[in-house]
Structures are given as C-alpha cells and as structure tokens.
Amino acid sequence: MGPRFRADDTHLKEEKMTDDKLEAAIARGARAKELLGSETLKEVFAQIEADYIEGWRHTSARDADARERLWLAVQVLGLVKDHLVIIANNGKLAQAELDRLAGLAA
C-alpha cells in the first residue's frame, strides 16, 4: 500500500507543476498585454520603424547591403510585436485551462 501513496504523491506534484506552468504563462501573458497597451512602447516601436525606413530612403543606389539590413530590421521589429501578441494569447489560453481544471476539481 505504501507505493500506491507515492504514486498519488507524484500525481499531485505533477499537477502542481502543471498549475505552476499555467500560472507562469498567465503572468507572462498579462505582462505582454500590458506592454502591448503601453503608449510609450507603441511610440518607441513607431519611432524605431520610422528611423529604419528613413535610413533606407537615404541609402545610395549602390548600397544594397544597407537597404537589406534596414529592411530586415523593420521585419524583426514586427516579429517582436508578433511575439508579444503570442505570449499575451498564450496567457489567455493558460487562464482558460486553469479555469477548466478548477472546474474539474470542484
């Protein structure tokens, strides 16, 4: 009978680890949502993008490497924004999963 209790304890630890991961995803999602809503961060992204585009406009006709790097920088900036959206959405999904698990436990 002793091993059975250990197995149950392991199950509880695994469930707690899952809850901890969900809680961490929820917290990260909330922080990402906060950042996405930040007027300061929006202004920073807009200014950086405008600076890259302005730099691209002022490259010489022969400076294809500079234009390519500036184009890539604008693309990476978009990926950063997209990643924040993904983290925010993952937080929403984690909250829904935690709510579902809580409903099952009740």
Protein backbone atom coordinates (compact mmCIF):
# COMPACT_ATOMS: atom_id res chain seq x y z
CA MET A 1 0.00 0.00 0.00
CA GLY A 2 2.97 2.33 0.52
CA PRO A 3 3.91 2.52 -3.18
CA ARG A 4 0.35 3.50 -4.07
CA PHE A 5 0.59 6.59 -1.86
CA ARG A 6 3.86 7.52 -3.51
CA ALA A 7 2.25 7.29 -6.91
CA ASP A 8 -0.56 9.56 -5.73
CA ASP A 9 2.01 11.99 -4.32
CA THR A 10 3.77 12.02 -7.68
CA HIS A 11 0.47 12.78 -9.41
CA LEU A 12 -0.10 15.70 -7.05
CA LYS A 13 3.41 17.01 -7.74
CA GLU A 14 2.84 16.74 -11.50
CA GLU A 15 -0.48 18.56 -11.15
CA LYS A 16 1.18 21.28 -9.09
CA MET A 17 3.95 21.64 -11.69
CA THR A 18 1.28 21.99 -14.37
CA ASP A 19 -0.53 24.61 -12.30
CA ASP A 20 2.76 26.44 -11.76
CA LYS A 21 3.45 26.45 -15.50
CA LEU A 22 -0.05 27.73 -16.20
CA GLU A 23 0.32 30.44 -13.56
CA ALA A 24 3.66 31.46 -15.09
CA ALA A 25 2.10 31.61 -18.57
CA ILE A 26 -0.78 33.69 -17.20
CA ALA A 27 1.64 36.14 -15.57
CA ARG A 28 3.75 36.39 -18.74
CA GLY A 29 0.61 36.91 -20.80
CA ALA A 30 -0.60 39.69 -18.53
CA ARG A 31 2.79 41.41 -18.74
CA ALA A 32 2.86 41.09 -22.55
CA LYS A 33 -0.67 42.52 -22.75
CA GLU A 34 0.42 45.40 -20.53
CA LEU A 35 3.41 46.07 -22.78
CA LEU A 36 1.28 45.94 -25.93
CA GLY A 37 -1.06 48.51 -24.40
CA SER A 38 1.77 50.80 -23.33
CA GLU A 39 1.70 54.10 -25.22
CA THR A 40 5.42 54.50 -24.54
CA LEU A 41 6.27 51.17 -26.12
CA LYS A 42 3.99 51.92 -29.09
CA GLU A 43 5.81 55.23 -29.58
CA VAL A 44 9.21 53.54 -29.32
CA PHE A 45 8.28 50.89 -31.91
CA ALA A 46 6.86 53.55 -34.25
CA GLN A 47 9.95 55.77 -33.88
CA ILE A 48 12.38 52.91 -34.45
CA GLU A 49 10.45 51.78 -37.53
CA ALA A 50 10.33 55.35 -38.87
CA ASP A 51 14.08 55.73 -38.29
CA TYR A 52 14.82 52.48 -40.15
CA ILE A 53 12.61 53.50 -43.07
CA GLU A 54 14.17 56.97 -43.18
CA GLY A 55 17.63 55.38 -43.17
CA TRP A 56 16.56 53.12 -46.02
CA ARG A 57 15.34 56.13 -48.04
CA HIS A 58 18.69 57.85 -47.65
CA THR A 59 20.84 54.94 -48.78
CA SER A 60 22.71 55.35 -52.01
CA ALA A 61 21.62 53.41 -55.08
CA ARG A 62 24.69 51.19 -54.77
CA ASP A 63 24.25 50.37 -51.08
CA ALA A 64 22.05 47.30 -51.41
CA ASP A 65 23.55 45.76 -48.24
CA ALA A 66 22.44 48.70 -46.09
CA ARG A 67 18.94 48.63 -47.57
CA GLU A 68 18.73 44.89 -46.95
CA ARG A 69 19.82 45.29 -43.30
CA LEU A 70 17.31 48.11 -42.73
CA TRP A 71 14.51 46.09 -44.34
CA LEU A 72 15.43 43.14 -42.15
CA ALA A 73 15.44 45.37 -39.05
CA VAL A 74 11.88 46.52 -39.83
CA GLN A 75 10.84 42.87 -40.24
CA VAL A 76 12.44 41.90 -36.91
CA LEU A 77 10.64 44.75 -35.17
CA GLY A 78 7.36 43.30 -36.47
CA LEU A 79 8.36 39.86 -35.19
CA VAL A 80 8.96 41.29 -31.72
CA LYS A 81 5.45 42.76 -31.72
CA ASP A 82 4.02 39.47 -33.01
CA HIS A 83 5.83 37.54 -30.28
CA LEU A 84 4.32 39.77 -27.59
CA VAL A 85 0.85 39.07 -29.05
CA ILE A 86 1.56 35.32 -28.97
CA ILE A 87 2.65 35.49 -25.32
CA ALA A 88 -0.47 37.50 -24.42
CA ASN A 89 -2.68 34.96 -26.20
CA ASN A 90 -0.89 32.06 -24.53
CA GLY A 91 -1.68 33.69 -21.19
CA LYS A 92 -5.37 33.79 -22.09
CA LEU A 93 -5.26 30.12 -23.08
CA ALA A 94 -3.45 29.21 -19.86
CA GLN A 95 -6.12 31.04 -17.84
CA ALA A 96 -8.86 29.15 -19.67
CA GLU A 97 -7.08 25.85 -19.00
CA LEU A 98 -6.59 26.67 -15.32
CA ASP A 99 -10.29 27.59 -15.07
CA ARG A 100 -11.19 24.31 -16.76
CA LEU A 101 -9.02 22.32 -14.36
CA ALA A 102 -10.51 24.15 -11.40
CA GLY A 103 -13.97 23.24 -12.66
CA LEU A 104 -12.98 19.59 -12.90
CA ALA A 105 -11.61 19.63 -9.36
CA ALA A 106 -14.79 21.17 -7.95
